[in-house]
Amino acid sequence: MIKIYCASNIAEAQIVTGLLLNYNIPAYAGGILLQGGIGDLSAMDFATISVPNNYAQQARELIHQYEAGELIIDGDEPEHP
């Protein structure tokens, strides 16, 4: 497994993990339970996304499209490569 993304919060971590899983990329959201232990302090880089090494490039490309607003969500199933 390789860490490929640091989410700004747990909601974004879950969204990105769901995106990757929807494209059949095994993904793991780590550190998402740490936010409750931090309290009112703002923490950085605690919610991370990891994927198996052989899926890293495909996952990074999807995340880039997500961040650039290039993914269209229309309710239909995505076309898997």
N, C-alpha and C. Protein backbone atom coordinates (compact mmCIF):
# COMPACT_ATOMS: atom_id res chain seq x y z
N MET A 1 0.85 -1.19 0.00
CA MET A 1 0.00 0.00 0.00
C MET A 1 0.89 1.24 0.00
N ILE A 2 0.40 2.23 -0.72
CA ILE A 2 1.12 3.50 -0.80
C ILE A 2 0.14 4.64 -0.54
N LYS A 3 0.57 5.62 0.27
CA LYS A 3 -0.27 6.78 0.55
C LYS A 3 -0.22 7.69 -0.67
N ILE A 4 -1.40 8.00 -1.22
CA ILE A 4 -1.44 8.81 -2.44
C ILE A 4 -2.15 10.15 -2.27
N TYR A 5 -2.83 10.35 -1.11
CA TYR A 5 -3.62 11.56 -0.98
C TYR A 5 -3.80 11.91 0.49
N CYS A 6 -3.68 13.17 0.81
CA CYS A 6 -3.99 13.68 2.15
C CYS A 6 -5.23 14.56 2.03
N ALA A 7 -6.30 14.12 2.64
CA ALA A 7 -7.56 14.86 2.56
C ALA A 7 -7.57 15.99 3.59
N SER A 8 -8.34 17.02 3.30
CA SER A 8 -8.41 18.15 4.22
C SER A 8 -9.28 17.86 5.44
N ASN A 9 -10.16 16.86 5.33
CA ASN A 9 -11.01 16.46 6.45
C ASN A 9 -11.54 15.05 6.19
N ILE A 10 -12.26 14.50 7.17
CA ILE A 10 -12.71 13.11 7.02
C ILE A 10 -13.79 12.97 5.95
N ALA A 11 -14.59 14.00 5.75
CA ALA A 11 -15.62 13.92 4.71
C ALA A 11 -14.97 13.79 3.33
N GLU A 12 -13.95 14.60 3.09
CA GLU A 12 -13.27 14.51 1.80
C GLU A 12 -12.56 13.16 1.65
N ALA A 13 -12.01 12.65 2.73
CA ALA A 13 -11.36 11.34 2.68
C ALA A 13 -12.35 10.25 2.28
N GLN A 14 -13.55 10.32 2.81
CA GLN A 14 -14.58 9.34 2.47
C GLN A 14 -15.06 9.51 1.03
N ILE A 15 -15.17 10.75 0.57
CA ILE A 15 -15.59 11.00 -0.82
C ILE A 15 -14.56 10.44 -1.79
N VAL A 16 -13.29 10.72 -1.55
CA VAL A 16 -12.23 10.26 -2.46
C VAL A 16 -12.12 8.73 -2.40
N THR A 17 -12.22 8.16 -1.21
CA THR A 17 -12.19 6.70 -1.10
C THR A 17 -13.35 6.08 -1.87
N GLY A 18 -14.54 6.63 -1.73
CA GLY A 18 -15.70 6.13 -2.47
C GLY A 18 -15.52 6.25 -3.97
N LEU A 19 -14.93 7.36 -4.41
CA LEU A 19 -14.66 7.55 -5.84
C LEU A 19 -13.76 6.44 -6.35
N LEU A 20 -12.67 6.18 -5.64
CA LEU A 20 -11.73 5.15 -6.08
C LEU A 20 -12.38 3.76 -6.06
N LEU A 21 -13.11 3.47 -5.00
CA LEU A 21 -13.78 2.17 -4.93
C LEU A 21 -14.79 1.99 -6.06
N ASN A 22 -15.46 3.09 -6.44
CA ASN A 22 -16.43 3.05 -7.51
C ASN A 22 -15.77 2.70 -8.86
N TYR A 23 -14.49 3.03 -8.98
CA TYR A 23 -13.74 2.69 -10.19
C TYR A 23 -12.91 1.42 -9.99
N ASN A 24 -13.33 0.61 -9.03
CA ASN A 24 -12.69 -0.69 -8.74
C ASN A 24 -11.22 -0.57 -8.38
N ILE A 25 -10.87 0.50 -7.71
CA ILE A 25 -9.52 0.67 -7.19
C ILE A 25 -9.60 0.44 -5.68
N PRO A 26 -8.95 -0.60 -5.18
CA PRO A 26 -8.98 -0.83 -3.73
C PRO A 26 -8.36 0.37 -3.00
N ALA A 27 -9.09 0.94 -2.07
CA ALA A 27 -8.62 2.13 -1.37
C ALA A 27 -8.92 2.02 0.11
N TYR A 28 -8.04 2.61 0.91
CA TYR A 28 -8.19 2.60 2.36
C TYR A 28 -8.05 4.02 2.88
N ALA A 29 -9.03 4.47 3.65
CA ALA A 29 -8.96 5.79 4.29
C ALA A 29 -8.39 5.60 5.68
N GLY A 30 -7.22 6.15 5.91
CA GLY A 30 -6.57 6.02 7.21
C GLY A 30 -6.62 7.30 8.00
N GLY A 31 -6.61 7.17 9.32
CA GLY A 31 -6.57 8.33 10.20
C GLY A 31 -7.88 9.06 10.36
N ILE A 32 -8.96 8.51 9.82
CA ILE A 32 -10.23 9.24 9.86
C ILE A 32 -10.85 9.28 11.26
N LEU A 33 -10.44 8.40 12.13
CA LEU A 33 -10.97 8.41 13.49
C LEU A 33 -10.17 9.32 14.42
N LEU A 34 -9.10 9.89 13.94
CA LEU A 34 -8.26 10.74 14.77
C LEU A 34 -8.87 12.11 15.03
N GLN A 35 -9.77 12.56 14.17
CA GLN A 35 -10.32 13.90 14.32
C GLN A 35 -11.02 14.07 15.66
N GLY A 36 -11.72 13.06 16.13
CA GLY A 36 -12.42 13.16 17.41
C GLY A 36 -11.48 13.32 18.59
N GLY A 37 -10.28 12.76 18.49
CA GLY A 37 -9.32 12.88 19.58
C GLY A 37 -8.57 14.19 19.58
N ILE A 38 -8.69 14.95 18.54
CA ILE A 38 -7.93 16.19 18.42
C ILE A 38 -8.66 17.34 19.09
N GLY A 39 -9.97 17.28 19.12
CA GLY A 39 -10.74 18.35 19.73
C GLY A 39 -10.87 19.55 18.83
N ASP A 40 -10.69 20.72 19.41
CA ASP A 40 -10.87 21.96 18.66
C ASP A 40 -9.62 22.39 17.90
N LEU A 41 -8.53 21.69 18.06
CA LEU A 41 -7.32 22.05 17.35
C LEU A 41 -7.41 21.66 15.89
N SER A 42 -6.94 22.50 15.04
CA SER A 42 -6.92 22.19 13.61
C SER A 42 -5.72 21.31 13.31
N ALA A 43 -5.97 20.14 12.75
CA ALA A 43 -4.89 19.21 12.42
C ALA A 43 -4.71 19.16 10.91
N MET A 44 -3.53 18.77 10.49
CA MET A 44 -3.23 18.68 9.07
C MET A 44 -2.80 17.27 8.72
N ASP A 45 -3.22 16.82 7.58
CA ASP A 45 -2.74 15.56 7.00
C ASP A 45 -3.00 14.32 7.84
N PHE A 46 -4.06 14.30 8.63
CA PHE A 46 -4.33 13.10 9.39
C PHE A 46 -5.23 12.13 8.63
N ALA A 47 -6.01 12.61 7.69
CA ALA A 47 -6.89 11.75 6.89
C ALA A 47 -6.19 11.47 5.56
N THR A 48 -5.77 10.23 5.38
CA THR A 48 -5.01 9.88 4.19
C THR A 48 -5.70 8.76 3.42
N ILE A 49 -5.40 8.67 2.14
CA ILE A 49 -5.91 7.61 1.29
C ILE A 49 -4.72 6.79 0.80
N SER A 50 -4.83 5.47 0.93
CA SER A 50 -3.79 4.57 0.45
C SER A 50 -4.40 3.57 -0.50
N VAL A 51 -3.60 3.15 -1.47
CA VAL A 51 -4.01 2.13 -2.45
C VAL A 51 -2.85 1.17 -2.64
N PRO A 52 -3.13 -0.03 -3.16
CA PRO A 52 -2.03 -0.93 -3.51
C PRO A 52 -1.12 -0.27 -4.56
N ASN A 53 0.16 -0.57 -4.49
CA ASN A 53 1.15 0.07 -5.37
C ASN A 53 0.77 0.01 -6.84
N ASN A 54 0.22 -1.12 -7.30
CA ASN A 54 -0.08 -1.27 -8.72
C ASN A 54 -1.30 -0.45 -9.17
N TYR A 55 -2.01 0.18 -8.25
CA TYR A 55 -3.15 1.04 -8.60
C TYR A 55 -2.82 2.52 -8.42
N ALA A 56 -1.60 2.84 -7.98
CA ALA A 56 -1.27 4.21 -7.61
C ALA A 56 -1.44 5.20 -8.77
N GLN A 57 -0.94 4.87 -9.94
CA GLN A 57 -1.02 5.81 -11.07
C GLN A 57 -2.47 6.06 -11.48
N GLN A 58 -3.26 5.01 -11.58
CA GLN A 58 -4.67 5.16 -11.95
C GLN A 58 -5.41 5.98 -10.89
N ALA A 59 -5.12 5.73 -9.63
CA ALA A 59 -5.77 6.47 -8.55
C ALA A 59 -5.39 7.95 -8.59
N ARG A 60 -4.13 8.23 -8.80
CA ARG A 60 -3.68 9.63 -8.87
C ARG A 60 -4.35 10.38 -10.02
N GLU A 61 -4.53 9.71 -11.16
CA GLU A 61 -5.20 10.34 -12.30
C GLU A 61 -6.65 10.67 -11.97
N LEU A 62 -7.35 9.75 -11.32
CA LEU A 62 -8.74 10.01 -10.92
C LEU A 62 -8.83 11.15 -9.91
N ILE A 63 -7.92 11.16 -8.95
CA ILE A 63 -7.93 12.22 -7.94
C ILE A 63 -7.62 13.56 -8.59
N HIS A 64 -6.73 13.58 -9.55
CA HIS A 64 -6.45 14.82 -10.28
C HIS A 64 -7.71 15.33 -11.00
N GLN A 65 -8.44 14.43 -11.64
CA GLN A 65 -9.69 14.81 -12.30
C GLN A 65 -10.70 15.32 -11.28
N TYR A 66 -10.77 14.68 -10.12
CA TYR A 66 -11.68 15.11 -9.05
C TYR A 66 -11.34 16.53 -8.60
N GLU A 67 -10.06 16.77 -8.34
CA GLU A 67 -9.63 18.09 -7.87
C GLU A 67 -9.82 19.17 -8.93
N ALA A 68 -9.68 18.81 -10.20
CA ALA A 68 -9.84 19.78 -11.29
C ALA A 68 -11.30 20.00 -11.66
N GLY A 69 -12.21 19.25 -11.04
CA GLY A 69 -13.63 19.39 -11.36
C GLY A 69 -14.00 18.80 -12.70
N GLU A 70 -13.21 17.84 -13.17
CA GLU A 70 -13.44 17.24 -14.49
C GLU A 70 -14.36 16.03 -14.47
N LEU A 71 -14.69 15.54 -13.30
CA LEU A 71 -15.57 14.38 -13.22
C LEU A 71 -17.02 14.83 -13.25
N ILE A 72 -17.82 14.21 -14.06
CA ILE A 72 -19.23 14.55 -14.20
C ILE A 72 -20.04 13.48 -13.48
N ILE A 73 -20.85 13.91 -12.54
CA ILE A 73 -21.70 12.98 -11.79
C ILE A 73 -23.12 13.16 -12.31
N ASP A 74 -23.60 12.16 -13.02
CA ASP A 74 -24.94 12.27 -13.59
C ASP A 74 -25.87 11.17 -13.15
N GLY A 75 -25.43 10.35 -12.19
CA GLY A 75 -26.27 9.28 -11.72
C GLY A 75 -26.06 7.95 -12.45
N ASP A 76 -25.41 8.01 -13.60
CA ASP A 76 -25.12 6.78 -14.33
C ASP A 76 -23.84 6.15 -13.78
N GLU A 77 -23.70 4.88 -14.02
CA GLU A 77 -22.48 4.20 -13.62
C GLU A 77 -21.31 4.69 -14.46
N PRO A 78 -20.13 4.81 -13.86
CA PRO A 78 -18.97 5.28 -14.64
C PRO A 78 -18.53 4.24 -15.65
N GLU A 79 -17.88 4.73 -16.68
CA GLU A 79 -17.29 3.82 -17.66
C GLU A 79 -15.93 3.43 -17.15
N HIS A 80 -15.76 2.16 -16.84
CA HIS A 80 -14.49 1.68 -16.31
C HIS A 80 -13.54 1.37 -17.48
N PRO A 81 -12.29 1.81 -17.29
CA PRO A 81 -11.31 1.55 -18.36
C PRO A 81 -11.03 0.06 -18.54
